[in-house]
PDB file of N, CA and C in Angstrom:
ATOM      1  N   MET A   1     362.641  35.908  99.015  1.00  0.00           N
ATOM      2  CA  MET A   1     362.474  35.792  97.586  1.00  0.00           C
ATOM      3  C   MET A   1     362.570  37.171  96.920  1.00  0.00           C
ATOM      4  N   VAL A   2     361.913  38.148  97.497  1.00  0.00           N
ATOM      5  CA  VAL A   2     361.920  39.495  96.916  1.00  0.00           C
ATOM      6  C   VAL A   2     363.346  40.042  96.871  1.00  0.00           C
ATOM      7  N   THR A   3     364.092  39.859  97.947  1.00  0.00           N
ATOM      8  CA  THR A   3     365.479  40.325  97.995  1.00  0.00           C
ATOM      9  C   THR A   3     366.331  39.561  96.989  1.00  0.00           C
ATOM     10  N   LYS A   4     366.110  38.279  96.902  1.00  0.00           N
ATOM     11  CA  LYS A   4     366.881  37.443  95.979  1.00  0.00           C
ATOM     12  C   LYS A   4     366.691  37.902  94.534  1.00  0.00           C
ATOM     13  N   LEU A   5     365.501  38.370  94.209  1.00  0.00           N
ATOM     14  CA  LEU A   5     365.207  38.832  92.859  1.00  0.00           C
ATOM     15  C   LEU A   5     365.630  40.281  92.615  1.00  0.00           C
ATOM     16  N   GLY A   6     366.046  40.969  93.690  1.00  0.00           N
ATOM     17  CA  GLY A   6     366.493  42.352  93.541  1.00  0.00           C
ATOM     18  C   GLY A   6     365.382  43.385  93.617  1.00  0.00           C
ATOM     19  N   TYR A   7     364.252  43.007  94.221  1.00  0.00           N
ATOM     20  CA  TYR A   7     363.112  43.920  94.326  1.00  0.00           C
ATOM     21  C   TYR A   7     362.830  44.315  95.770  1.00  0.00           C
ATOM     22  N   GLU A   8     363.857  44.380  96.605  1.00  0.00           N
ATOM     23  CA  GLU A   8     363.628  44.670  98.015  1.00  0.00           C
ATOM     24  C   GLU A   8     363.025  46.050  98.264  1.00  0.00           C
ATOM     25  N   HIS A   9     363.099  46.944  97.291  1.00  0.00           N
ATOM     26  CA  HIS A   9     362.508  48.278  97.438  1.00  0.00           C
ATOM     27  C   HIS A   9     360.980  48.261  97.297  1.00  0.00           C
ATOM     28  N   LEU A  10     360.410  47.175  96.769  1.00  0.00           N
ATOM     29  CA  LEU A  10     358.963  47.093  96.595  1.00  0.00           C
ATOM     30  C   LEU A  10     358.272  46.697  97.898  1.00  0.00           C
ATOM     31  N   ARG A  11     357.114  47.288  98.113  1.00  0.00           N
ATOM     32  CA  ARG A  11     356.277  46.925  99.251  1.00  0.00           C
ATOM     33  C   ARG A  11     355.062  46.168  98.730  1.00  0.00           C
ATOM     34  N   ARG A  12     354.429  45.423  99.598  1.00  0.00           N
ATOM     35  CA  ARG A  12     353.240  44.666  99.208  1.00  0.00           C
ATOM     36  C   ARG A  12     352.190  45.590  98.593  1.00  0.00           C
ATOM     37  N   HIS A  13     352.025  46.781  99.163  1.00  0.00           N
ATOM     38  CA  HIS A  13     351.016  47.721  98.653  1.00  0.00           C
ATOM     39  C   HIS A  13     351.353  48.156  97.219  1.00  0.00           C
ATOM     40  N   ASP A  14     352.635  48.310  96.920  1.00  0.00           N
ATOM     41  CA  ASP A  14     353.032  48.672  95.550  1.00  0.00           C
ATOM     42  C   ASP A  14     352.544  47.612  94.567  1.00  0.00           C
ATOM     43  N   LEU A  15     352.699  46.365  94.952  1.00  0.00           N
ATOM     44  CA  LEU A  15     352.312  45.268  94.071  1.00  0.00           C
ATOM     45  C   LEU A  15     350.803  45.153  93.909  1.00  0.00           C
ATOM     46  N   ARG A  16     350.055  45.679  94.880  1.00  0.00           N
ATOM     47  CA  ARG A  16     348.589  45.610  94.816  1.00  0.00           C
ATOM     48  C   ARG A  16     348.048  46.339  93.592  1.00  0.00           C
ATOM     49  N   HIS A  17     348.775  47.358  93.121  1.00  0.00           N
ATOM     50  CA  HIS A  17     348.298  48.156  91.999  1.00  0.00           C
ATOM     51  C   HIS A  17     348.892  47.723  90.661  1.00  0.00           C
ATOM     52  N   THR A  18     349.823  46.779  90.693  1.00  0.00           N
ATOM     53  CA  THR A  18     350.451  46.343  89.450  1.00  0.00           C
ATOM     54  C   THR A  18     349.457  45.656  88.516  1.00  0.00           C
ATOM     55  N   ALA A  19     348.732  44.677  89.013  1.00  0.00           N
ATOM     56  CA  ALA A  19     347.787  43.943  88.166  1.00  0.00           C
ATOM     57  C   ALA A  19     346.704  44.861  87.599  1.00  0.00           C
ATOM     58  N   PRO A  20     346.035  45.684  88.428  1.00  0.00           N
ATOM     59  CA  PRO A  20     345.027  46.572  87.844  1.00  0.00           C
ATOM     60  C   PRO A  20     345.600  47.520  86.787  1.00  0.00           C
ATOM     61  N   THR A  21     346.829  47.971  86.971  1.00  0.00           N
ATOM     62  CA  THR A  21     347.458  48.850  85.981  1.00  0.00           C
ATOM     63  C   THR A  21     347.649  48.111  84.663  1.00  0.00           C
ATOM     64  N   TRP A  22     348.157  46.891  84.736  1.00  0.00           N
ATOM     65  CA  TRP A  22     348.346  46.095  83.514  1.00  0.00           C
ATOM     66  C   TRP A  22     347.008  45.785  82.858  1.00  0.00           C
ATOM     67  N   PHE A  23     346.010  45.447  83.667  1.00  0.00           N
ATOM     68  CA  PHE A  23     344.692  45.153  83.116  1.00  0.00           C
ATOM     69  C   PHE A  23     344.063  46.392  82.477  1.00  0.00           C
ATOM     70  N   ALA A  24     344.253  47.558  83.096  1.00  0.00           N
ATOM     71  CA  ALA A  24     343.721  48.808  82.524  1.00  0.00           C
ATOM     72  C   ALA A  24     344.366  49.071  81.168  1.00  0.00           C
ATOM     73  N   ASP A  25     345.667  48.841  81.078  1.00  0.00           N
ATOM     74  CA  ASP A  25     346.363  49.010  79.792  1.00  0.00           C
ATOM     75  C   ASP A  25     345.817  48.062  78.733  1.00  0.00           C
ATOM     76  N   ALA A  26     345.298  46.917  79.174  1.00  0.00           N
ATOM     77  CA  ALA A  26     344.738  45.934  78.241  1.00  0.00           C
ATOM     78  C   ALA A  26     343.268  46.204  77.922  1.00  0.00           C
ATOM     79  N   GLY A  27     342.699  47.256  78.540  1.00  0.00           N
ATOM     80  CA  GLY A  27     341.324  47.629  78.223  1.00  0.00           C
ATOM     81  C   GLY A  27     340.254  47.074  79.145  1.00  0.00           C
ATOM     82  N   VAL A  28     340.640  46.515  80.285  1.00  0.00           N
ATOM     83  CA  VAL A  28     339.657  45.992  81.237  1.00  0.00           C
ATOM     84  C   VAL A  28     338.891  47.163  81.854  1.00  0.00           C
ATOM     85  N   PRO A  29     337.562  47.089  81.932  1.00  0.00           N
ATOM     86  CA  PRO A  29     336.750  48.191  82.469  1.00  0.00           C
ATOM     87  C   PRO A  29     337.041  48.496  83.952  1.00  0.00           C
ATOM     88  N   VAL A  30     336.842  49.744  84.317  1.00  0.00           N
ATOM     89  CA  VAL A  30     337.133  50.209  85.679  1.00  0.00           C
ATOM     90  C   VAL A  30     336.359  49.425  86.735  1.00  0.00           C
ATOM     91  N   HIS A  31     335.106  49.077  86.466  1.00  0.00           N
ATOM     92  CA  HIS A  31     334.330  48.376  87.494  1.00  0.00           C
ATOM     93  C   HIS A  31     334.929  47.001  87.791  1.00  0.00           C
ATOM     94  N   VAL A  32     335.592  46.393  86.816  1.00  0.00           N
ATOM     95  CA  VAL A  32     336.274  45.119  87.047  1.00  0.00           C
ATOM     96  C   VAL A  32     337.573  45.360  87.810  1.00  0.00           C
ATOM     97  N   LEU A  33     338.309  46.392  87.430  1.00  0.00           N
ATOM     98  CA  LEU A  33     339.560  46.742  88.115  1.00  0.00           C
ATOM     99  C   LEU A  33     339.303  47.043  89.588  1.00  0.00           C
ATOM    100  N   ARG A  34     338.189  47.704  89.875  1.00  0.00           N
ATOM    101  CA  ARG A  34     337.830  48.037  91.257  1.00  0.00           C
ATOM    102  C   ARG A  34     337.733  46.776  92.099  1.00  0.00           C
ATOM    103  N   ARG A  35     337.106  45.757  91.558  1.00  0.00           N
ATOM    104  CA  ARG A  35     336.952  44.500  92.302  1.00  0.00           C
ATOM    105  C   ARG A  35     338.290  43.787  92.481  1.00  0.00           C
ATOM    106  N   ILE A  36     339.127  43.810  91.460  1.00  0.00           N
ATOM    107  CA  ILE A  36     340.450  43.181  91.557  1.00  0.00           C
ATOM    108  C   ILE A  36     341.281  43.844  92.646  1.00  0.00           C
ATOM    109  N   ALA A  37     341.247  45.181  92.684  1.00  0.00           N
ATOM    110  CA  ALA A  37     342.046  45.930  93.658  1.00  0.00           C
ATOM    111  C   ALA A  37     341.414  45.945  95.049  1.00  0.00           C
ATOM    112  N   GLY A  38     340.124  45.606  95.125  1.00  0.00           N
ATOM    113  CA  GLY A  38     339.445  45.621  96.418  1.00  0.00           C
ATOM    114  C   GLY A  38     339.049  47.013  96.870  1.00  0.00           C
ATOM    115  N   HIS A  39     338.917  47.931  95.928  1.00  0.00           N
ATOM    116  CA  HIS A  39     338.517  49.292  96.263  1.00  0.00           C
ATOM    117  C   HIS A  39     337.007  49.389  96.446  1.00  0.00           C
ATOM    118  N   GLY A  40     336.587  50.360  97.236  1.00  0.00           N
ATOM    119  CA  GLY A  40     335.171  50.566  97.484  1.00  0.00           C
ATOM    120  C   GLY A  40     334.462  51.291  96.358  1.00  0.00           C
ATOM    121  N   SER A  41     335.201  52.089  95.590  1.00  0.00           N
ATOM    122  CA  SER A  41     334.565  52.830  94.501  1.00  0.00           C
ATOM    123  C   SER A  41     335.487  52.890  93.284  1.00  0.00           C
ATOM    124  N   PRO A  42     334.910  53.038  92.097  1.00  0.00           N
ATOM    125  CA  PRO A  42     335.719  53.165  90.883  1.00  0.00           C
ATOM    126  C   PRO A  42     336.615  54.405  90.905  1.00  0.00           C
ATOM    127  N   THR A  43     336.176  55.449  91.599  1.00  0.00           N
ATOM    128  CA  THR A  43     336.969  56.681  91.689  1.00  0.00           C
ATOM    129  C   THR A  43     338.306  56.412  92.376  1.00  0.00           C
ATOM    130  N   THR A  44     338.278  55.619  93.427  1.00  0.00           N
ATOM    131  CA  THR A  44     339.519  55.257  94.123  1.00  0.00           C
ATOM    132  C   THR A  44     340.435  54.497  93.176  1.00  0.00           C
ATOM    133  N   THR A  45     339.861  53.601  92.407  1.00  0.00           N
ATOM    134  CA  THR A  45     340.652  52.823  91.452  1.00  0.00           C
ATOM    135  C   THR A  45     341.284  53.741  90.415  1.00  0.00           C
ATOM    136  N   GLN A  46     340.519  54.654  89.880  1.00  0.00           N
ATOM    137  CA  GLN A  46     341.045  55.580  88.869  1.00  0.00           C
ATOM    138  C   GLN A  46     342.209  56.396  89.414  1.00  0.00           C
ATOM    139  N   ARG A  47     342.091  56.846  90.662  1.00  0.00           N
ATOM    140  CA  ARG A  47     343.167  57.654  91.253  1.00  0.00           C
ATOM    141  C   ARG A  47     344.445  56.857  91.439  1.00  0.00           C
ATOM    142  N   SER A  48     344.337  55.535  91.580  1.00  0.00           N
ATOM    143  CA  SER A  48     345.520  54.713  91.811  1.00  0.00           C
ATOM    144  C   SER A  48     346.237  54.324  90.521  1.00  0.00           C
ATOM    145  N   LEU A  49     345.615  54.562  89.384  1.00  0.00           N
ATOM    146  CA  LEU A  49     346.228  54.202  88.110  1.00  0.00           C
ATOM    147  C   LEU A  49     347.095  55.351  87.593  1.00  0.00           C
ATOM    148  N   PRO A  50     348.216  55.028  86.950  1.00  0.00           N
ATOM    149  CA  PRO A  50     349.121  56.076  86.481  1.00  0.00           C
ATOM    150  C   PRO A  50     348.566  56.917  85.337  1.00  0.00           C
ATOM    151  N   ASN A  51     347.695  56.336  84.507  1.00  0.00           N
ATOM    152  CA  ASN A  51     347.110  57.072  83.380  1.00  0.00           C
ATOM    153  C   ASN A  51     345.604  57.162  83.561  1.00  0.00           C
ATOM    154  N   PRO A  52     345.066  58.353  83.370  1.00  0.00           N
ATOM    155  CA  PRO A  52     343.595  58.474  83.495  1.00  0.00           C
ATOM    156  C   PRO A  52     342.886  57.606  82.467  1.00  0.00           C
ATOM    157  N   ILE A  53     341.811  56.962  82.907  1.00  0.00           N
ATOM    158  CA  ILE A  53     340.979  56.184  81.992  1.00  0.00           C
ATOM    159  C   ILE A  53     339.545  56.627  82.157  1.00  0.00           C
ATOM    160  N   VAL A  54     338.770  56.453  81.123  1.00  0.00           N
ATOM    161  CA  VAL A  54     337.373  56.880  81.145  1.00  0.00           C
ATOM    162  C   VAL A  54     336.543  55.804  81.821  1.00  0.00           C
ATOM    163  N   MET A  55     335.733  56.212  82.810  1.00  0.00           N
ATOM    164  CA  MET A  55     334.864  55.260  83.491  1.00  0.00           C
ATOM    165  C   MET A  55     333.706  54.897  82.567  1.00  0.00           C
ATOM    166  N   THR A  56     333.448  53.604  82.445  1.00  0.00           N
ATOM    167  CA  THR A  56     332.369  53.162  81.574  1.00  0.00           C
ATOM    168  C   THR A  56     331.150  52.717  82.364  1.00  0.00           C
ATOM    169  N   ARG A  57     331.316  52.501  83.676  1.00  0.00           N
ATOM    170  CA  ARG A  57     330.183  52.124  84.530  1.00  0.00           C
ATOM    171  C   ARG A  57     330.341  52.730  85.883  1.00  0.00           C
TER     172      ARG A  57
END
């Protein structure tokens, strides 16, 4: 399916950060993003996002 859509360069790990990035852009708090991504700490989540965001919790 991935090849058929022309996204064969993407890896599963790349896609793991797509949803949290979109949610961060929509204003979802870091502590929620951490749970979505399955990270152990909010700091790890912040480092994985392309734009720095302010931690609220």
